Amino acid sequence: MLIGIDEVGRGPLAGPVIACAVLWPETGDVAGLTDSKRLSAKRRESLIDAIQSTAIAIGFGRAEPWEIDQLNILQATLLAMTRAAEQILTDAPTQTRIVVDGNRVPDALRARASAVIGGDGLIPAISAASVLAKVARDHEMCAWSRTYPGYGFERHAGYPTREHLNALSCLGVTPIHRRSFAPVAHCLQENA
C-alpha cells in the first residue's frame, strides 16, 4: 500500500490550501486518472466515485487564510499535508510508504515519506489525492462565491485573474483573502 499526498491552492489570493492524502492499494487503477491540472472540471468530477471506491482511506487537511498569513504559504502547505496524512495514518500498516507531490516533505512525515516532483502525473495515489483536493477546494470556493458575490470565486477559485483583481479593487478585501499576498496587502494599504 501507498499513501499519496497532494495539495491545491498555493497560488490563490483567497481561500484555504487544501491537501488530500489517499491510502491506495498497490494494484489500484482508475482509468484516466492523472494530475488534476490536466483534467477538465467535468472529468475530475466524473472520477470521484471511482477514486473513492478504489481508495482504502482518504484524509483531508487544510490551512486557513489566517494560517497562511501567519506561517507563509510553504509552511501552511506542509501543515495541510501533515493534517491530511494524520487523518489516515492510523488506517495504514506501519510499513506503508508515503509519497508527496513536489520537492518538499513535511517534517512530521520525513521518516516515512519521499517527495516526487511531478508525482501527480506519475503515481496513481498522488493523482487521486490531486483530483480529490482540487474538487474539494473548487466546491468550497463556489460556496464562498455565494457569501461574497461579485468576486467570481466560482470561476477562478481565488486565483489572481483580472476579474478577481478588479473585484478586489472595487469591492475590497474579504475575510477569506490572504492578507500577506501582495495584491491583497496593496488593496488594504490603499483603503487604510
N, C-alpha and C. Protein backbone atom coordinates (compact mmCIF):
# COMPACT_ATOMS: atom_id res chain seq x y z
N MET A 1 0.84 -1.19 0.00
CA MET A 1 0.00 0.00 0.00
C MET A 1 0.88 1.24 0.00
N LEU A 2 0.27 2.32 -0.44
CA LEU A 2 0.98 3.57 -0.61
C LEU A 2 0.05 4.70 -0.19
N ILE A 3 0.58 5.70 0.48
CA ILE A 3 -0.18 6.92 0.74
C ILE A 3 0.35 7.98 -0.20
N GLY A 4 -0.54 8.54 -1.00
CA GLY A 4 -0.20 9.65 -1.88
C GLY A 4 -0.77 10.93 -1.31
N ILE A 5 0.01 12.00 -1.36
CA ILE A 5 -0.43 13.29 -0.83
C ILE A 5 -0.20 14.38 -1.87
N ASP A 6 -1.19 15.22 -2.04
CA ASP A 6 -1.06 16.40 -2.89
C ASP A 6 -1.90 17.51 -2.30
N GLU A 7 -1.65 18.71 -2.76
CA GLU A 7 -2.39 19.88 -2.29
C GLU A 7 -2.82 20.72 -3.46
N VAL A 8 -3.72 21.63 -3.17
CA VAL A 8 -4.17 22.59 -4.17
C VAL A 8 -4.41 23.91 -3.44
N GLY A 9 -4.14 25.00 -4.14
CA GLY A 9 -4.45 26.31 -3.59
C GLY A 9 -3.28 27.10 -3.08
N ARG A 10 -2.10 26.85 -3.59
CA ARG A 10 -0.95 27.66 -3.14
C ARG A 10 -0.96 29.06 -3.75
N GLY A 11 -1.42 29.18 -4.98
CA GLY A 11 -1.32 30.45 -5.69
C GLY A 11 -2.46 31.43 -5.53
N PRO A 12 -3.64 31.03 -5.09
CA PRO A 12 -4.75 31.97 -4.98
C PRO A 12 -4.51 33.08 -3.96
N LEU A 13 -5.28 34.13 -4.12
CA LEU A 13 -5.26 35.25 -3.18
C LEU A 13 -6.27 35.05 -2.07
N ALA A 14 -7.14 34.05 -2.21
CA ALA A 14 -8.22 33.84 -1.25
C ALA A 14 -8.45 32.35 -1.05
N GLY A 15 -8.99 32.04 0.13
CA GLY A 15 -9.35 30.66 0.44
C GLY A 15 -8.20 29.87 1.04
N PRO A 16 -8.51 28.66 1.47
CA PRO A 16 -7.52 27.81 2.13
C PRO A 16 -6.63 27.08 1.14
N VAL A 17 -5.56 26.51 1.66
CA VAL A 17 -4.81 25.46 0.96
C VAL A 17 -5.46 24.17 1.44
N ILE A 18 -5.81 23.29 0.50
CA ILE A 18 -6.41 22.01 0.87
C ILE A 18 -5.51 20.90 0.37
N ALA A 19 -5.20 19.98 1.26
CA ALA A 19 -4.39 18.81 0.92
C ALA A 19 -5.24 17.56 1.08
N CYS A 20 -4.88 16.55 0.32
CA CYS A 20 -5.56 15.27 0.43
C CYS A 20 -4.51 14.17 0.53
N ALA A 21 -4.77 13.20 1.37
CA ALA A 21 -3.94 12.00 1.49
C ALA A 21 -4.82 10.81 1.17
N VAL A 22 -4.31 9.92 0.32
CA VAL A 22 -5.07 8.76 -0.11
C VAL A 22 -4.26 7.50 0.15
N LEU A 23 -4.83 6.59 0.92
CA LEU A 23 -4.23 5.27 1.11
C LEU A 23 -4.70 4.42 -0.06
N TRP A 24 -3.75 4.02 -0.90
CA TRP A 24 -4.06 3.43 -2.20
C TRP A 24 -3.49 2.03 -2.29
N PRO A 25 -4.26 1.08 -2.79
CA PRO A 25 -3.71 -0.27 -2.96
C PRO A 25 -2.67 -0.28 -4.09
N GLU A 26 -1.66 -1.11 -3.96
CA GLU A 26 -0.59 -1.18 -4.98
C GLU A 26 -1.15 -1.45 -6.37
N THR A 27 -2.22 -2.21 -6.44
CA THR A 27 -2.79 -2.55 -7.75
C THR A 27 -3.96 -1.65 -8.13
N GLY A 28 -4.18 -0.59 -7.36
CA GLY A 28 -5.30 0.30 -7.65
C GLY A 28 -5.16 0.98 -8.99
N ASP A 29 -6.21 0.92 -9.79
CA ASP A 29 -6.17 1.53 -11.11
C ASP A 29 -7.52 2.17 -11.41
N VAL A 30 -7.48 3.43 -11.82
CA VAL A 30 -8.67 4.14 -12.25
C VAL A 30 -8.37 4.72 -13.62
N ALA A 31 -9.11 4.30 -14.61
CA ALA A 31 -8.86 4.75 -15.99
C ALA A 31 -8.97 6.27 -16.09
N GLY A 32 -7.97 6.87 -16.74
CA GLY A 32 -7.97 8.30 -16.97
C GLY A 32 -7.46 9.14 -15.82
N LEU A 33 -7.02 8.50 -14.74
CA LEU A 33 -6.53 9.23 -13.57
C LEU A 33 -5.15 9.82 -13.86
N THR A 34 -5.01 11.12 -13.62
CA THR A 34 -3.74 11.81 -13.80
C THR A 34 -3.77 13.09 -12.97
N ASP A 35 -2.78 13.91 -13.14
CA ASP A 35 -2.69 15.21 -12.47
C ASP A 35 -3.98 15.99 -12.70
N SER A 36 -4.57 16.51 -11.63
CA SER A 36 -5.84 17.22 -11.74
C SER A 36 -5.78 18.42 -12.68
N LYS A 37 -4.60 19.02 -12.82
CA LYS A 37 -4.47 20.20 -13.69
C LYS A 37 -4.60 19.82 -15.17
N ARG A 38 -4.43 18.56 -15.49
CA ARG A 38 -4.56 18.10 -16.88
C ARG A 38 -5.99 17.68 -17.23
N LEU A 39 -6.87 17.74 -16.26
CA LEU A 39 -8.25 17.28 -16.45
C LEU A 39 -9.22 18.44 -16.39
N SER A 40 -10.27 18.36 -17.16
CA SER A 40 -11.33 19.37 -17.09
C SER A 40 -12.08 19.18 -15.77
N ALA A 41 -12.80 20.21 -15.36
CA ALA A 41 -13.60 20.12 -14.14
C ALA A 41 -14.60 18.97 -14.25
N LYS A 42 -15.22 18.82 -15.41
CA LYS A 42 -16.20 17.74 -15.62
C LYS A 42 -15.53 16.37 -15.47
N ARG A 43 -14.34 16.21 -16.03
CA ARG A 43 -13.64 14.93 -15.95
C ARG A 43 -13.22 14.63 -14.51
N ARG A 44 -12.74 15.65 -13.79
CA ARG A 44 -12.38 15.44 -12.38
C ARG A 44 -13.58 14.94 -11.59
N GLU A 45 -14.72 15.59 -11.79
CA GLU A 45 -15.95 15.19 -11.08
C GLU A 45 -16.32 13.75 -11.41
N SER A 46 -16.13 13.37 -12.68
CA SER A 46 -16.53 12.01 -13.10
C SER A 46 -15.63 10.93 -12.49
N LEU A 47 -14.45 11.30 -12.02
CA LEU A 47 -13.52 10.32 -11.44
C LEU A 47 -13.73 10.11 -9.94
N ILE A 48 -14.48 10.97 -9.30
CA ILE A 48 -14.60 10.93 -7.84
C ILE A 48 -15.10 9.57 -7.33
N ASP A 49 -16.17 9.05 -7.89
CA ASP A 49 -16.71 7.77 -7.39
C ASP A 49 -15.70 6.64 -7.54
N ALA A 50 -15.01 6.58 -8.68
CA ALA A 50 -14.03 5.52 -8.90
C ALA A 50 -12.86 5.66 -7.93
N ILE A 51 -12.42 6.87 -7.68
CA ILE A 51 -11.32 7.09 -6.73
C ILE A 51 -11.76 6.66 -5.34
N GLN A 52 -12.95 7.09 -4.93
CA GLN A 52 -13.43 6.76 -3.58
C GLN A 52 -13.64 5.26 -3.39
N SER A 53 -14.05 4.56 -4.44
CA SER A 53 -14.26 3.12 -4.28
C SER A 53 -12.95 2.33 -4.35
N THR A 54 -11.92 2.90 -4.95
CA THR A 54 -10.61 2.24 -5.03
C THR A 54 -9.77 2.51 -3.78
N ALA A 55 -9.85 3.72 -3.27
CA ALA A 55 -9.04 4.11 -2.10
C ALA A 55 -9.44 3.32 -0.87
N ILE A 56 -8.45 3.00 -0.06
CA ILE A 56 -8.70 2.32 1.20
C ILE A 56 -9.11 3.32 2.27
N ALA A 57 -8.50 4.49 2.23
CA ALA A 57 -8.84 5.58 3.16
C ALA A 57 -8.47 6.90 2.51
N ILE A 58 -9.20 7.95 2.89
CA ILE A 58 -8.97 9.29 2.35
C ILE A 58 -9.00 10.27 3.52
N GLY A 59 -8.03 11.17 3.53
CA GLY A 59 -7.99 12.21 4.55
C GLY A 59 -7.77 13.57 3.92
N PHE A 60 -8.39 14.58 4.51
CA PHE A 60 -8.20 15.95 4.04
C PHE A 60 -7.59 16.78 5.15
N GLY A 61 -6.75 17.70 4.76
CA GLY A 61 -6.18 18.66 5.69
C GLY A 61 -6.22 20.03 5.04
N ARG A 62 -6.17 21.04 5.86
CA ARG A 62 -6.28 22.39 5.30
C ARG A 62 -5.48 23.36 6.15
N ALA A 63 -5.15 24.48 5.54
CA ALA A 63 -4.59 25.62 6.25
C ALA A 63 -5.42 26.82 5.83
N GLU A 64 -5.95 27.50 6.80
CA GLU A 64 -6.84 28.63 6.57
C GLU A 64 -6.04 29.87 6.15
N PRO A 65 -6.73 30.84 5.54
CA PRO A 65 -6.02 32.06 5.13
C PRO A 65 -5.22 32.73 6.24
N TRP A 66 -5.76 32.77 7.46
CA TRP A 66 -5.02 33.40 8.55
C TRP A 66 -3.76 32.61 8.90
N GLU A 67 -3.81 31.27 8.73
CA GLU A 67 -2.62 30.46 8.98
C GLU A 67 -1.58 30.69 7.89
N ILE A 68 -2.04 30.84 6.66
CA ILE A 68 -1.14 31.14 5.55
C ILE A 68 -0.43 32.46 5.81
N ASP A 69 -1.19 33.46 6.26
CA ASP A 69 -0.60 34.77 6.56
C ASP A 69 0.39 34.68 7.71
N GLN A 70 0.09 33.86 8.68
CA GLN A 70 0.92 33.74 9.87
C GLN A 70 2.21 32.93 9.60
N LEU A 71 2.09 31.85 8.84
CA LEU A 71 3.20 30.92 8.66
C LEU A 71 4.02 31.18 7.40
N ASN A 72 3.41 31.52 6.33
CA ASN A 72 3.84 31.68 4.94
C ASN A 72 3.25 30.51 4.15
N ILE A 73 3.17 30.66 2.85
CA ILE A 73 2.44 29.69 2.04
C ILE A 73 3.09 28.31 2.05
N LEU A 74 4.41 28.25 2.04
CA LEU A 74 5.08 26.94 2.05
C LEU A 74 4.79 26.19 3.35
N GLN A 75 4.99 26.84 4.49
CA GLN A 75 4.76 26.18 5.77
C GLN A 75 3.29 25.81 5.96
N ALA A 76 2.40 26.65 5.48
CA ALA A 76 0.97 26.34 5.58
C ALA A 76 0.62 25.13 4.72
N THR A 77 1.24 25.03 3.54
CA THR A 77 1.02 23.88 2.66
C THR A 77 1.50 22.60 3.34
N LEU A 78 2.68 22.64 3.93
CA LEU A 78 3.21 21.46 4.62
C LEU A 78 2.33 21.08 5.81
N LEU A 79 1.78 22.09 6.50
CA LEU A 79 0.86 21.84 7.61
C LEU A 79 -0.41 21.14 7.11
N ALA A 80 -0.97 21.63 6.00
CA ALA A 80 -2.17 21.00 5.44
C ALA A 80 -1.89 19.55 5.05
N MET A 81 -0.72 19.29 4.47
CA MET A 81 -0.35 17.92 4.09
C MET A 81 -0.23 17.03 5.32
N THR A 82 0.38 17.54 6.37
CA THR A 82 0.51 16.77 7.61
C THR A 82 -0.87 16.45 8.18
N ARG A 83 -1.74 17.42 8.19
CA ARG A 83 -3.10 17.21 8.71
C ARG A 83 -3.84 16.16 7.89
N ALA A 84 -3.67 16.18 6.58
CA ALA A 84 -4.32 15.18 5.72
C ALA A 84 -3.79 13.78 6.04
N ALA A 85 -2.47 13.66 6.15
CA ALA A 85 -1.86 12.36 6.43
C ALA A 85 -2.30 11.83 7.79
N GLU A 86 -2.37 12.69 8.78
CA GLU A 86 -2.77 12.27 10.12
C GLU A 86 -4.17 11.67 10.14
N GLN A 87 -5.02 12.09 9.21
CA GLN A 87 -6.39 11.57 9.14
C GLN A 87 -6.41 10.07 8.81
N ILE A 88 -5.39 9.59 8.09
CA ILE A 88 -5.45 8.19 7.63
C ILE A 88 -4.29 7.32 8.10
N LEU A 89 -3.30 7.88 8.75
CA LEU A 89 -2.15 7.07 9.16
C LEU A 89 -2.53 5.93 10.09
N THR A 90 -3.57 6.11 10.89
CA THR A 90 -3.98 5.02 11.79
C THR A 90 -4.57 3.84 11.02
N ASP A 91 -5.06 4.08 9.79
CA ASP A 91 -5.61 3.01 8.96
C ASP A 91 -4.53 2.28 8.15
N ALA A 92 -3.32 2.81 8.15
CA ALA A 92 -2.26 2.28 7.29
C ALA A 92 -1.29 1.41 8.08
N PRO A 93 -0.88 0.28 7.50
CA PRO A 93 0.17 -0.52 8.16
C PRO A 93 1.44 0.32 8.32
N THR A 94 2.21 0.02 9.35
CA THR A 94 3.40 0.84 9.64
C THR A 94 4.40 0.90 8.51
N GLN A 95 4.50 -0.10 7.69
CA GLN A 95 5.47 -0.09 6.59
C GLN A 95 4.97 0.65 5.35
N THR A 96 3.77 1.20 5.42
CA THR A 96 3.22 1.91 4.27
C THR A 96 4.10 3.10 3.91
N ARG A 97 4.46 3.16 2.65
CA ARG A 97 5.27 4.26 2.14
C ARG A 97 4.39 5.46 1.84
N ILE A 98 4.92 6.66 2.07
CA ILE A 98 4.21 7.90 1.79
C ILE A 98 4.96 8.63 0.68
N VAL A 99 4.22 9.05 -0.35
CA VAL A 99 4.81 9.84 -1.42
C VAL A 99 4.05 11.16 -1.52
N VAL A 100 4.82 12.24 -1.60
CA VAL A 100 4.27 13.59 -1.60
C VAL A 100 4.61 14.24 -2.93
N ASP A 101 3.64 14.85 -3.57
CA ASP A 101 3.92 15.56 -4.82
C ASP A 101 4.76 16.80 -4.51
N GLY A 102 5.80 17.01 -5.31
CA GLY A 102 6.62 18.21 -5.14
C GLY A 102 8.03 17.88 -4.70
N ASN A 103 8.69 18.87 -4.12
CA ASN A 103 10.09 18.69 -3.72
C ASN A 103 10.32 18.82 -2.23
N ARG A 104 9.22 18.89 -1.45
CA ARG A 104 9.35 19.02 0.00
C ARG A 104 8.45 18.03 0.70
N VAL A 105 8.94 17.50 1.80
CA VAL A 105 8.17 16.60 2.65
C VAL A 105 7.98 17.29 4.00
N PRO A 106 6.77 17.28 4.54
CA PRO A 106 6.57 17.86 5.88
C PRO A 106 7.47 17.18 6.91
N ASP A 107 8.03 17.95 7.82
CA ASP A 107 8.93 17.41 8.84
C ASP A 107 8.31 16.25 9.61
N ALA A 108 7.02 16.36 9.92
CA ALA A 108 6.35 15.33 10.70
C ALA A 108 6.28 13.99 9.97
N LEU A 109 6.46 14.00 8.64
CA LEU A 109 6.36 12.76 7.85
C LEU A 109 7.71 12.30 7.30
N ARG A 110 8.75 13.06 7.58
CA ARG A 110 10.06 12.83 6.96
C ARG A 110 10.56 11.39 7.08
N ALA A 111 10.33 10.73 8.20
CA ALA A 111 10.84 9.37 8.40
C ALA A 111 10.21 8.36 7.45
N ARG A 112 8.99 8.62 6.99
CA ARG A 112 8.26 7.64 6.18
C ARG A 112 8.01 8.10 4.75
N ALA A 113 8.33 9.35 4.45
CA ALA A 113 7.88 9.91 3.18
C ALA A 113 9.02 10.32 2.26
N SER A 114 8.69 10.37 0.98
CA SER A 114 9.62 10.91 -0.01
C SER A 114 8.85 11.84 -0.93
N ALA A 115 9.56 12.82 -1.46
CA ALA A 115 8.96 13.78 -2.39
C ALA A 115 9.19 13.29 -3.81
N VAL A 116 8.21 13.51 -4.66
CA VAL A 116 8.31 13.13 -6.07
C VAL A 116 7.86 14.32 -6.91
N ILE A 117 8.81 14.95 -7.57
CA ILE A 117 8.47 16.07 -8.44
C ILE A 117 7.66 15.54 -9.62
N GLY A 118 6.51 16.16 -9.85
CA GLY A 118 5.61 15.70 -10.92
C GLY A 118 4.89 14.42 -10.58
N GLY A 119 4.88 14.06 -9.30
CA GLY A 119 4.24 12.81 -8.87
C GLY A 119 2.76 12.75 -9.15
N ASP A 120 2.11 13.91 -9.24
CA ASP A 120 0.67 13.91 -9.50
C ASP A 120 0.32 13.39 -10.89
N GLY A 121 1.31 13.36 -11.79
CA GLY A 121 1.08 12.79 -13.12
C GLY A 121 1.69 11.42 -13.28
N LEU A 122 2.42 10.95 -12.25
CA LEU A 122 3.16 9.69 -12.36
C LEU A 122 2.65 8.57 -11.45
N ILE A 123 2.18 8.93 -10.28
CA ILE A 123 1.84 7.93 -9.26
C ILE A 123 0.34 8.02 -8.98
N PRO A 124 -0.40 6.93 -9.26
CA PRO A 124 -1.87 6.98 -9.10
C PRO A 124 -2.34 7.45 -7.72
N ALA A 125 -1.63 7.08 -6.67
CA ALA A 125 -2.05 7.51 -5.32
C ALA A 125 -1.99 9.03 -5.20
N ILE A 126 -0.97 9.64 -5.78
CA ILE A 126 -0.86 11.11 -5.74
C ILE A 126 -1.88 11.72 -6.70
N SER A 127 -2.06 11.12 -7.86
CA SER A 127 -3.07 11.63 -8.82
C SER A 127 -4.45 11.65 -8.17
N ALA A 128 -4.78 10.59 -7.45
CA ALA A 128 -6.08 10.52 -6.78
C ALA A 128 -6.20 11.64 -5.74
N ALA A 129 -5.14 11.85 -4.97
CA ALA A 129 -5.15 12.94 -3.98
C ALA A 129 -5.28 14.30 -4.67
N SER A 130 -4.61 14.45 -5.79
CA SER A 130 -4.67 15.69 -6.56
C SER A 130 -6.09 16.02 -7.00
N VAL A 131 -6.77 15.02 -7.55
CA VAL A 131 -8.13 15.21 -8.04
C VAL A 131 -9.08 15.51 -6.87
N LEU A 132 -8.99 14.74 -5.80
CA LEU A 132 -9.88 14.95 -4.66
C LEU A 132 -9.68 16.32 -4.03
N ALA A 133 -8.42 16.74 -3.87
CA ALA A 133 -8.14 18.05 -3.29
C ALA A 133 -8.68 19.17 -4.17
N LYS A 134 -8.48 19.05 -5.47
CA LYS A 134 -8.93 20.09 -6.41
C LYS A 134 -10.46 20.20 -6.40
N VAL A 135 -11.14 19.08 -6.45
CA VAL A 135 -12.60 19.10 -6.45
C VAL A 135 -13.12 19.69 -5.14
N ALA A 136 -12.54 19.28 -4.02
CA ALA A 136 -12.98 19.79 -2.71
C ALA A 136 -12.79 21.31 -2.63
N ARG A 137 -11.64 21.79 -3.07
CA ARG A 137 -11.39 23.24 -2.98
C ARG A 137 -12.28 24.02 -3.94
N ASP A 138 -12.46 23.50 -5.15
CA ASP A 138 -13.33 24.18 -6.11
C ASP A 138 -14.76 24.29 -5.57
N HIS A 139 -15.25 23.21 -4.95
CA HIS A 139 -16.60 23.25 -4.36
C HIS A 139 -16.68 24.31 -3.26
N GLU A 140 -15.64 24.35 -2.44
CA GLU A 140 -15.63 25.33 -1.36
C GLU A 140 -15.61 26.76 -1.90
N MET A 141 -14.82 27.00 -2.93
CA MET A 141 -14.75 28.35 -3.48
C MET A 141 -16.07 28.74 -4.15
N CYS A 142 -16.77 27.77 -4.73
CA CYS A 142 -18.12 28.04 -5.27
C CYS A 142 -19.06 28.46 -4.14
N ALA A 143 -18.96 27.79 -3.01
CA ALA A 143 -19.79 28.15 -1.86
C ALA A 143 -19.45 29.56 -1.38
N TRP A 144 -18.17 29.90 -1.34
CA TRP A 144 -17.77 31.25 -0.93
C TRP A 144 -18.28 32.30 -1.91
N SER A 145 -18.46 31.93 -3.17
CA SER A 145 -18.95 32.90 -4.15
C SER A 145 -20.37 33.35 -3.82
N ARG A 146 -21.12 32.53 -3.12
CA ARG A 146 -22.47 32.91 -2.71
C ARG A 146 -22.42 33.85 -1.49
N THR A 147 -21.44 33.66 -0.64
CA THR A 147 -21.26 34.53 0.52
C THR A 147 -20.68 35.87 0.10
N TYR A 148 -19.77 35.85 -0.87
CA TYR A 148 -19.10 37.06 -1.34
C TYR A 148 -19.32 37.21 -2.85
N PRO A 149 -20.54 37.61 -3.24
CA PRO A 149 -20.82 37.74 -4.67
C PRO A 149 -20.01 38.89 -5.29
N GLY A 150 -19.75 38.76 -6.57
CA GLY A 150 -19.05 39.81 -7.29
C GLY A 150 -17.56 39.56 -7.47
N TYR A 151 -17.00 38.61 -6.73
CA TYR A 151 -15.57 38.32 -6.84
C TYR A 151 -15.27 37.28 -7.92
N GLY A 152 -16.26 36.45 -8.25
CA GLY A 152 -16.06 35.42 -9.27
C GLY A 152 -15.36 34.18 -8.76
N PHE A 153 -15.41 33.92 -7.47
CA PHE A 153 -14.72 32.76 -6.90
C PHE A 153 -15.13 31.46 -7.59
N GLU A 154 -16.39 31.39 -8.05
CA GLU A 154 -16.86 30.17 -8.71
C GLU A 154 -16.17 29.95 -10.06
N ARG A 155 -15.57 30.98 -10.61
CA ARG A 155 -14.87 30.86 -11.90
C ARG A 155 -13.36 30.72 -11.75
N HIS A 156 -12.76 31.47 -10.84
CA HIS A 156 -11.29 31.47 -10.75
C HIS A 156 -10.74 30.88 -9.46
N ALA A 157 -11.63 30.46 -8.55
CA ALA A 157 -11.23 29.79 -7.30
C ALA A 157 -10.25 30.61 -6.46
N GLY A 158 -10.28 31.92 -6.63
CA GLY A 158 -9.42 32.77 -5.81
C GLY A 158 -8.09 33.12 -6.44
N TYR A 159 -7.79 32.57 -7.62
CA TYR A 159 -6.53 32.88 -8.29
C TYR A 159 -6.54 34.33 -8.76
N PRO A 160 -5.38 34.93 -8.95
CA PRO A 160 -5.30 36.36 -9.28
C PRO A 160 -5.58 36.67 -10.75
N THR A 161 -6.78 36.39 -11.18
CA THR A 161 -7.19 36.72 -12.54
C THR A 161 -7.51 38.22 -12.62
N ARG A 162 -7.64 38.72 -13.82
CA ARG A 162 -8.02 40.13 -14.00
C ARG A 162 -9.36 40.41 -13.31
N GLU A 163 -10.31 39.48 -13.48
CA GLU A 163 -11.62 39.63 -12.84
C GLU A 163 -11.48 39.77 -11.33
N HIS A 164 -10.67 38.90 -10.74
CA HIS A 164 -10.51 38.92 -9.28
C HIS A 164 -9.81 40.20 -8.82
N LEU A 165 -8.77 40.60 -9.52
CA LEU A 165 -8.04 41.81 -9.14
C LEU A 165 -8.94 43.04 -9.25
N ASN A 166 -9.77 43.09 -10.29
CA ASN A 166 -10.70 44.20 -10.43
C ASN A 166 -11.72 44.21 -9.30
N ALA A 167 -12.25 43.04 -8.96
CA ALA A 167 -13.21 42.94 -7.86
C ALA A 167 -12.58 43.34 -6.54
N LEU A 168 -11.36 42.92 -6.33
CA LEU A 168 -10.63 43.27 -5.11
C LEU A 168 -10.49 44.78 -5.00
N SER A 169 -10.16 45.42 -6.10
CA SER A 169 -10.00 46.87 -6.13
C SER A 169 -11.34 47.59 -5.88
N CYS A 170 -12.40 47.07 -6.46
CA CYS A 170 -13.72 47.72 -6.34
C CYS A 170 -14.46 47.37 -5.05
N LEU A 171 -14.39 46.11 -4.65
CA LEU A 171 -15.20 45.62 -3.53
C LEU A 171 -14.43 45.51 -2.21
N GLY A 172 -13.11 45.47 -2.30
CA GLY A 172 -12.29 45.37 -1.10
C GLY A 172 -11.96 43.94 -0.71
N VAL A 173 -11.36 43.81 0.44
CA VAL A 173 -10.84 42.54 0.94
C VAL A 173 -11.89 41.84 1.79
N THR A 174 -12.06 40.53 1.56
CA THR A 174 -13.00 39.73 2.36
C THR A 174 -12.24 39.00 3.46
N PRO A 175 -12.94 38.41 4.40
CA PRO A 175 -12.27 37.62 5.45
C PRO A 175 -11.52 36.40 4.91
N ILE A 176 -11.84 35.93 3.69
CA ILE A 176 -11.13 34.75 3.17
C ILE A 176 -9.92 35.12 2.32
N HIS A 177 -9.64 36.41 2.18
CA HIS A 177 -8.44 36.81 1.44
C HIS A 177 -7.18 36.65 2.30
N ARG A 178 -6.09 36.37 1.62
CA ARG A 178 -4.79 36.19 2.26
C ARG A 178 -4.09 37.55 2.31
N ARG A 179 -4.06 38.13 3.48
CA ARG A 179 -3.57 39.49 3.64
C ARG A 179 -2.07 39.65 3.39
N SER A 180 -1.34 38.56 3.45
CA SER A 180 0.11 38.63 3.22
C SER A 180 0.47 38.57 1.74
N PHE A 181 -0.49 38.29 0.86
CA PHE A 181 -0.22 38.24 -0.57
C PHE A 181 -0.27 39.66 -1.13
N ALA A 182 0.68 40.01 -1.96
CA ALA A 182 0.92 41.39 -2.40
C ALA A 182 -0.33 42.12 -2.91
N PRO A 183 -1.12 41.56 -3.83
CA PRO A 183 -2.29 42.33 -4.30
C PRO A 183 -3.29 42.65 -3.18
N VAL A 184 -3.44 41.73 -2.23
CA VAL A 184 -4.37 41.96 -1.12
C VAL A 184 -3.77 42.99 -0.17
N ALA A 185 -2.48 42.86 0.14
CA ALA A 185 -1.81 43.83 1.03
C ALA A 185 -1.87 45.22 0.41
N HIS A 186 -1.69 45.31 -0.89
CA HIS A 186 -1.73 46.60 -1.58
C HIS A 186 -3.15 47.20 -1.47
N CYS A 187 -4.16 46.39 -1.65
CA CYS A 187 -5.54 46.86 -1.53
C CYS A 187 -5.82 47.37 -0.12
N LEU A 188 -5.32 46.66 0.87
CA LEU A 188 -5.52 47.08 2.27
C LEU A 188 -4.84 48.42 2.55
N GLN A 189 -3.63 48.59 1.97
CA GLN A 189 -2.90 49.85 2.17
C GLN A 189 -3.64 51.01 1.50
N GLU A 190 -4.17 50.77 0.32
CA GLU A 190 -4.89 51.82 -0.41
C GLU A 190 -6.15 52.25 0.33
N ASN A 191 -6.78 51.31 1.03
CA ASN A 191 -8.05 51.60 1.70
C ASN A 191 -7.88 51.90 3.19
N ALA A 192 -6.63 52.04 3.63
CA ALA A 192 -6.38 52.31 5.06
C ALA A 192 -6.68 53.76 5.40
